Amino acid sequence: MNVIVNARHMEVTDSIRQYVQNKVAKLPRFYDNVQSIEVILDREADRSVVEIVAHARRKRTFVATHRDQDMYASIDQCLDKVAAQLRRHKDKVRDRQGPPRGETLGGTGR
């Protein structure tokens, strides 16, 4: 999985870059088909803005944005949003499939 950390209107410190990479590395456990993640850090007047774009197989793209006073809080909240999107998508894909083998609908199967 590729992780790209970009910044606008600010310089990214090594501690922020390391923090982002450690947090983003946990996202594939919510959905296995994540191929690349781009994290865009921005500084507006008195707020930090974090945008995360996750690209998955079959041209699926998940985007989340969060604005907050603290950069680390913005990263955490934005990761929660993307994780929720990935979790919902995985549930949707799993529910489209039929029941597991050996299970029958409506009782004991006799």
N, C-alpha and C. Protein backbone atom coordinates (compact mmCIF):
# COMPACT_ATOMS: atom_id res chain seq x y z
N MET A 1 0.85 -1.17 0.00
CA MET A 1 0.00 0.00 0.00
C MET A 1 0.89 1.24 0.00
N ASN A 2 0.59 2.16 -0.89
CA ASN A 2 1.34 3.41 -0.98
C ASN A 2 0.70 4.45 -0.09
N VAL A 3 1.54 5.17 0.66
CA VAL A 3 1.06 6.27 1.50
C VAL A 3 1.80 7.52 1.06
N ILE A 4 1.03 8.54 0.67
CA ILE A 4 1.60 9.80 0.22
C ILE A 4 1.11 10.89 1.18
N VAL A 5 2.05 11.65 1.72
CA VAL A 5 1.71 12.75 2.62
C VAL A 5 2.13 14.05 1.95
N ASN A 6 1.14 14.90 1.63
CA ASN A 6 1.39 16.19 1.00
C ASN A 6 0.97 17.30 1.95
N ALA A 7 1.56 18.48 1.75
CA ALA A 7 1.20 19.62 2.58
C ALA A 7 1.00 20.85 1.71
N ARG A 8 0.05 21.67 2.12
CA ARG A 8 -0.19 22.96 1.47
C ARG A 8 -0.06 24.04 2.53
N HIS A 9 0.58 25.11 2.18
CA HIS A 9 0.71 26.28 3.05
C HIS A 9 1.40 25.98 4.37
N MET A 10 2.20 24.92 4.41
CA MET A 10 2.93 24.58 5.64
C MET A 10 4.01 23.57 5.31
N GLU A 11 4.90 23.37 6.24
CA GLU A 11 5.92 22.33 6.13
C GLU A 11 5.52 21.18 7.04
N VAL A 12 5.71 19.97 6.56
CA VAL A 12 5.37 18.79 7.36
C VAL A 12 6.61 18.40 8.17
N THR A 13 6.44 18.33 9.47
CA THR A 13 7.54 17.89 10.31
C THR A 13 7.63 16.37 10.27
N ASP A 14 8.78 15.87 10.68
CA ASP A 14 8.97 14.42 10.68
C ASP A 14 8.03 13.73 11.66
N SER A 15 7.73 14.39 12.78
CA SER A 15 6.84 13.77 13.76
C SER A 15 5.41 13.65 13.22
N ILE A 16 4.94 14.67 12.51
CA ILE A 16 3.60 14.60 11.92
C ILE A 16 3.57 13.54 10.82
N ARG A 17 4.59 13.51 9.98
CA ARG A 17 4.65 12.52 8.91
C ARG A 17 4.66 11.10 9.48
N GLN A 18 5.43 10.87 10.52
CA GLN A 18 5.50 9.54 11.15
C GLN A 18 4.15 9.18 11.80
N TYR A 19 3.51 10.17 12.44
CA TYR A 19 2.21 9.96 13.08
C TYR A 19 1.17 9.55 12.03
N VAL A 20 1.16 10.26 10.91
CA VAL A 20 0.20 9.96 9.84
C VAL A 20 0.45 8.56 9.29
N GLN A 21 1.69 8.22 9.03
CA GLN A 21 1.99 6.91 8.45
C GLN A 21 1.63 5.77 9.40
N ASN A 22 1.86 5.97 10.70
CA ASN A 22 1.50 4.94 11.67
C ASN A 22 -0.01 4.75 11.75
N LYS A 23 -0.76 5.85 11.71
CA LYS A 23 -2.22 5.76 11.79
C LYS A 23 -2.82 5.19 10.51
N VAL A 24 -2.33 5.64 9.37
CA VAL A 24 -2.88 5.21 8.08
C VAL A 24 -2.58 3.74 7.82
N ALA A 25 -1.51 3.21 8.39
CA ALA A 25 -1.16 1.81 8.19
C ALA A 25 -2.23 0.87 8.75
N LYS A 26 -3.08 1.36 9.63
CA LYS A 26 -4.13 0.53 10.23
C LYS A 26 -5.39 0.45 9.37
N LEU A 27 -5.52 1.29 8.36
CA LEU A 27 -6.73 1.32 7.55
C LEU A 27 -7.02 0.03 6.77
N PRO A 28 -6.02 -0.68 6.24
CA PRO A 28 -6.36 -1.89 5.48
C PRO A 28 -7.07 -2.97 6.29
N ARG A 29 -7.05 -2.90 7.61
CA ARG A 29 -7.78 -3.92 8.36
C ARG A 29 -9.30 -3.70 8.26
N PHE A 30 -9.73 -2.49 7.88
CA PHE A 30 -11.15 -2.23 7.69
C PHE A 30 -11.63 -2.69 6.31
N TYR A 31 -10.74 -2.59 5.32
CA TYR A 31 -11.07 -3.04 3.96
C TYR A 31 -9.77 -3.45 3.29
N ASP A 32 -9.68 -4.72 2.88
CA ASP A 32 -8.42 -5.29 2.40
C ASP A 32 -7.95 -4.75 1.07
N ASN A 33 -8.85 -4.23 0.25
CA ASN A 33 -8.50 -3.86 -1.11
C ASN A 33 -8.00 -2.43 -1.26
N VAL A 34 -7.57 -1.79 -0.19
CA VAL A 34 -7.03 -0.44 -0.28
C VAL A 34 -5.65 -0.53 -0.93
N GLN A 35 -5.46 0.26 -2.00
CA GLN A 35 -4.20 0.22 -2.72
C GLN A 35 -3.30 1.39 -2.40
N SER A 36 -3.87 2.59 -2.29
CA SER A 36 -3.05 3.76 -1.98
C SER A 36 -3.87 4.75 -1.17
N ILE A 37 -3.15 5.52 -0.35
CA ILE A 37 -3.79 6.53 0.49
C ILE A 37 -2.98 7.81 0.36
N GLU A 38 -3.71 8.89 0.09
CA GLU A 38 -3.07 10.21 0.00
C GLU A 38 -3.62 11.07 1.13
N VAL A 39 -2.72 11.64 1.91
CA VAL A 39 -3.09 12.51 3.02
C VAL A 39 -2.62 13.91 2.68
N ILE A 40 -3.56 14.86 2.69
CA ILE A 40 -3.24 16.25 2.36
C ILE A 40 -3.44 17.08 3.62
N LEU A 41 -2.37 17.68 4.09
CA LEU A 41 -2.40 18.53 5.28
C LEU A 41 -2.37 19.99 4.83
N ASP A 42 -3.23 20.80 5.40
CA ASP A 42 -3.32 22.21 5.01
C ASP A 42 -3.49 23.06 6.25
N ARG A 43 -3.04 24.28 6.17
CA ARG A 43 -3.18 25.21 7.27
C ARG A 43 -3.95 26.42 6.76
N GLU A 44 -5.17 26.61 7.29
CA GLU A 44 -5.93 27.82 6.99
C GLU A 44 -5.63 28.82 8.10
N ALA A 45 -6.32 29.93 8.14
CA ALA A 45 -6.02 31.03 9.05
C ALA A 45 -5.62 30.55 10.45
N ASP A 46 -6.52 29.93 11.15
CA ASP A 46 -6.18 29.45 12.50
C ASP A 46 -6.55 27.99 12.68
N ARG A 47 -6.86 27.32 11.59
CA ARG A 47 -7.26 25.92 11.65
C ARG A 47 -6.37 25.06 10.79
N SER A 48 -6.32 23.81 11.15
CA SER A 48 -5.64 22.84 10.29
C SER A 48 -6.71 22.02 9.58
N VAL A 49 -6.45 21.71 8.34
CA VAL A 49 -7.38 20.95 7.51
C VAL A 49 -6.67 19.68 7.05
N VAL A 50 -7.34 18.55 7.24
CA VAL A 50 -6.78 17.27 6.81
C VAL A 50 -7.77 16.63 5.85
N GLU A 51 -7.25 16.17 4.73
CA GLU A 51 -8.07 15.45 3.75
C GLU A 51 -7.38 14.13 3.46
N ILE A 52 -8.14 13.06 3.51
CA ILE A 52 -7.61 11.73 3.22
C ILE A 52 -8.37 11.15 2.04
N VAL A 53 -7.61 10.71 1.04
CA VAL A 53 -8.19 10.09 -0.15
C VAL A 53 -7.63 8.67 -0.22
N ALA A 54 -8.52 7.69 -0.11
CA ALA A 54 -8.11 6.28 -0.17
C ALA A 54 -8.61 5.70 -1.48
N HIS A 55 -7.70 5.11 -2.24
CA HIS A 55 -8.04 4.47 -3.50
C HIS A 55 -8.03 2.96 -3.29
N ALA A 56 -9.11 2.31 -3.72
CA ALA A 56 -9.22 0.86 -3.58
C ALA A 56 -9.41 0.24 -4.96
N ARG A 57 -9.47 -1.06 -5.00
CA ARG A 57 -9.67 -1.76 -6.26
C ARG A 57 -11.02 -1.42 -6.85
N ARG A 58 -11.11 -1.67 -8.15
CA ARG A 58 -12.32 -1.43 -8.93
C ARG A 58 -12.76 0.02 -8.88
N LYS A 59 -11.79 0.92 -8.88
CA LYS A 59 -12.01 2.36 -8.97
C LYS A 59 -12.88 2.91 -7.84
N ARG A 60 -12.74 2.35 -6.66
CA ARG A 60 -13.43 2.87 -5.48
C ARG A 60 -12.55 3.93 -4.84
N THR A 61 -13.13 5.07 -4.54
CA THR A 61 -12.40 6.16 -3.90
C THR A 61 -13.18 6.61 -2.68
N PHE A 62 -12.49 6.73 -1.57
CA PHE A 62 -13.09 7.16 -0.31
C PHE A 62 -12.40 8.45 0.12
N VAL A 63 -13.19 9.49 0.39
CA VAL A 63 -12.63 10.80 0.70
C VAL A 63 -13.24 11.29 2.01
N ALA A 64 -12.38 11.85 2.88
CA ALA A 64 -12.85 12.46 4.13
C ALA A 64 -12.05 13.72 4.39
N THR A 65 -12.72 14.72 4.96
CA THR A 65 -12.08 15.99 5.29
C THR A 65 -12.50 16.40 6.69
N HIS A 66 -11.55 16.98 7.43
CA HIS A 66 -11.88 17.47 8.77
C HIS A 66 -11.06 18.73 9.06
N ARG A 67 -11.70 19.69 9.73
CA ARG A 67 -11.04 20.94 10.13
C ARG A 67 -11.08 21.03 11.65
N ASP A 68 -9.96 21.42 12.25
CA ASP A 68 -9.88 21.54 13.70
C ASP A 68 -8.72 22.46 14.06
N GLN A 69 -8.69 22.88 15.30
CA GLN A 69 -7.60 23.74 15.77
C GLN A 69 -6.28 22.97 15.83
N ASP A 70 -6.34 21.73 16.25
CA ASP A 70 -5.14 20.91 16.45
C ASP A 70 -4.95 19.97 15.26
N MET A 71 -3.73 19.89 14.76
CA MET A 71 -3.43 19.05 13.61
C MET A 71 -3.63 17.57 13.94
N TYR A 72 -3.17 17.13 15.09
CA TYR A 72 -3.29 15.73 15.46
C TYR A 72 -4.76 15.33 15.64
N ALA A 73 -5.57 16.21 16.21
CA ALA A 73 -7.00 15.93 16.36
C ALA A 73 -7.67 15.84 14.99
N SER A 74 -7.27 16.70 14.07
CA SER A 74 -7.82 16.65 12.71
C SER A 74 -7.49 15.33 12.03
N ILE A 75 -6.26 14.88 12.20
CA ILE A 75 -5.84 13.62 11.60
C ILE A 75 -6.67 12.47 12.16
N ASP A 76 -6.83 12.45 13.48
CA ASP A 76 -7.59 11.37 14.12
C ASP A 76 -9.05 11.37 13.66
N GLN A 77 -9.68 12.53 13.64
CA GLN A 77 -11.08 12.61 13.24
C GLN A 77 -11.27 12.23 11.78
N CYS A 78 -10.36 12.65 10.94
CA CYS A 78 -10.44 12.33 9.51
C CYS A 78 -10.24 10.83 9.29
N LEU A 79 -9.33 10.22 10.03
CA LEU A 79 -9.13 8.78 9.94
C LEU A 79 -10.37 8.02 10.40
N ASP A 80 -11.04 8.52 11.42
CA ASP A 80 -12.28 7.88 11.87
C ASP A 80 -13.34 7.92 10.76
N LYS A 81 -13.42 9.04 10.05
CA LYS A 81 -14.39 9.17 8.96
C LYS A 81 -14.09 8.19 7.83
N VAL A 82 -12.84 8.11 7.44
CA VAL A 82 -12.47 7.18 6.36
C VAL A 82 -12.68 5.74 6.80
N ALA A 83 -12.33 5.42 8.04
CA ALA A 83 -12.52 4.06 8.55
C ALA A 83 -14.00 3.69 8.53
N ALA A 84 -14.87 4.62 8.88
CA ALA A 84 -16.31 4.35 8.84
C ALA A 84 -16.78 4.09 7.41
N GLN A 85 -16.27 4.87 6.46
CA GLN A 85 -16.63 4.65 5.05
C GLN A 85 -16.17 3.28 4.57
N LEU A 86 -14.94 2.92 4.93
CA LEU A 86 -14.40 1.61 4.52
C LEU A 86 -15.19 0.48 5.16
N ARG A 87 -15.53 0.63 6.43
CA ARG A 87 -16.30 -0.40 7.13
C ARG A 87 -17.68 -0.58 6.51
N ARG A 88 -18.35 0.54 6.20
CA ARG A 88 -19.68 0.45 5.57
C ARG A 88 -19.59 -0.22 4.21
N HIS A 89 -18.56 0.12 3.43
CA HIS A 89 -18.41 -0.48 2.11
C HIS A 89 -18.14 -1.98 2.22
N LYS A 90 -17.29 -2.37 3.16
CA LYS A 90 -17.00 -3.79 3.33
C LYS A 90 -18.25 -4.55 3.76
N ASP A 91 -19.06 -3.97 4.64
CA ASP A 91 -20.32 -4.60 5.05
C ASP A 91 -21.26 -4.75 3.86
N LYS A 92 -21.31 -3.72 3.02
CA LYS A 92 -22.18 -3.75 1.85
C LYS A 92 -21.74 -4.85 0.88
N VAL A 93 -20.45 -4.97 0.65
CA VAL A 93 -19.93 -6.00 -0.25
C VAL A 93 -20.19 -7.38 0.34
N ARG A 94 -19.97 -7.53 1.63
CA ARG A 94 -20.17 -8.83 2.28
C ARG A 94 -21.64 -9.22 2.27
N ASP A 95 -22.55 -8.26 2.45
CA ASP A 95 -23.98 -8.56 2.47
C ASP A 95 -24.52 -8.92 1.10
N ARG A 96 -23.85 -8.48 0.04
CA ARG A 96 -24.28 -8.82 -1.32
C ARG A 96 -24.08 -10.29 -1.62
N GLN A 97 -23.13 -10.89 -0.94
CA GLN A 97 -22.86 -12.30 -1.17
C GLN A 97 -23.92 -13.14 -0.47
N GLY A 98 -24.06 -14.36 -0.88
CA GLY A 98 -25.05 -15.25 -0.28
C GLY A 98 -24.60 -15.71 1.09
N PRO A 99 -25.44 -16.55 1.73
CA PRO A 99 -25.07 -17.08 3.05
C PRO A 99 -23.88 -18.02 2.92
N PRO A 100 -23.12 -18.20 3.97
CA PRO A 100 -21.97 -19.11 3.93
C PRO A 100 -22.40 -20.54 3.61
N ARG A 101 -21.49 -21.32 3.06
CA ARG A 101 -21.81 -22.71 2.70
C ARG A 101 -22.19 -23.49 3.96
N GLY A 102 -23.13 -24.38 3.78
CA GLY A 102 -23.56 -25.21 4.90
C GLY A 102 -24.75 -24.65 5.64
N GLU A 103 -25.00 -23.37 5.47
CA GLU A 103 -26.17 -22.76 6.12
C GLU A 103 -27.31 -22.71 5.13
N THR A 104 -28.49 -22.97 5.61
CA THR A 104 -29.66 -22.86 4.77
C THR A 104 -30.62 -21.87 5.38
N LEU A 105 -31.42 -21.30 4.55
CA LEU A 105 -32.42 -20.37 5.05
C LEU A 105 -33.63 -21.15 5.52
N GLY A 106 -34.15 -20.80 6.66
CA GLY A 106 -35.39 -21.36 7.10
C GLY A 106 -35.30 -22.64 7.92
N GLY A 107 -34.23 -22.85 8.63
CA GLY A 107 -34.29 -23.95 9.57
C GLY A 107 -33.12 -24.90 9.53
N THR A 108 -33.46 -26.19 9.75
CA THR A 108 -32.43 -27.19 9.96
C THR A 108 -31.84 -27.74 8.67
N GLY A 109 -32.50 -27.54 7.56
CA GLY A 109 -31.97 -28.01 6.29
C GLY A 109 -32.41 -29.40 5.93
N ARG A 110 -33.41 -29.96 6.61
CA ARG A 110 -33.90 -31.32 6.32
C ARG A 110 -35.17 -31.28 5.58
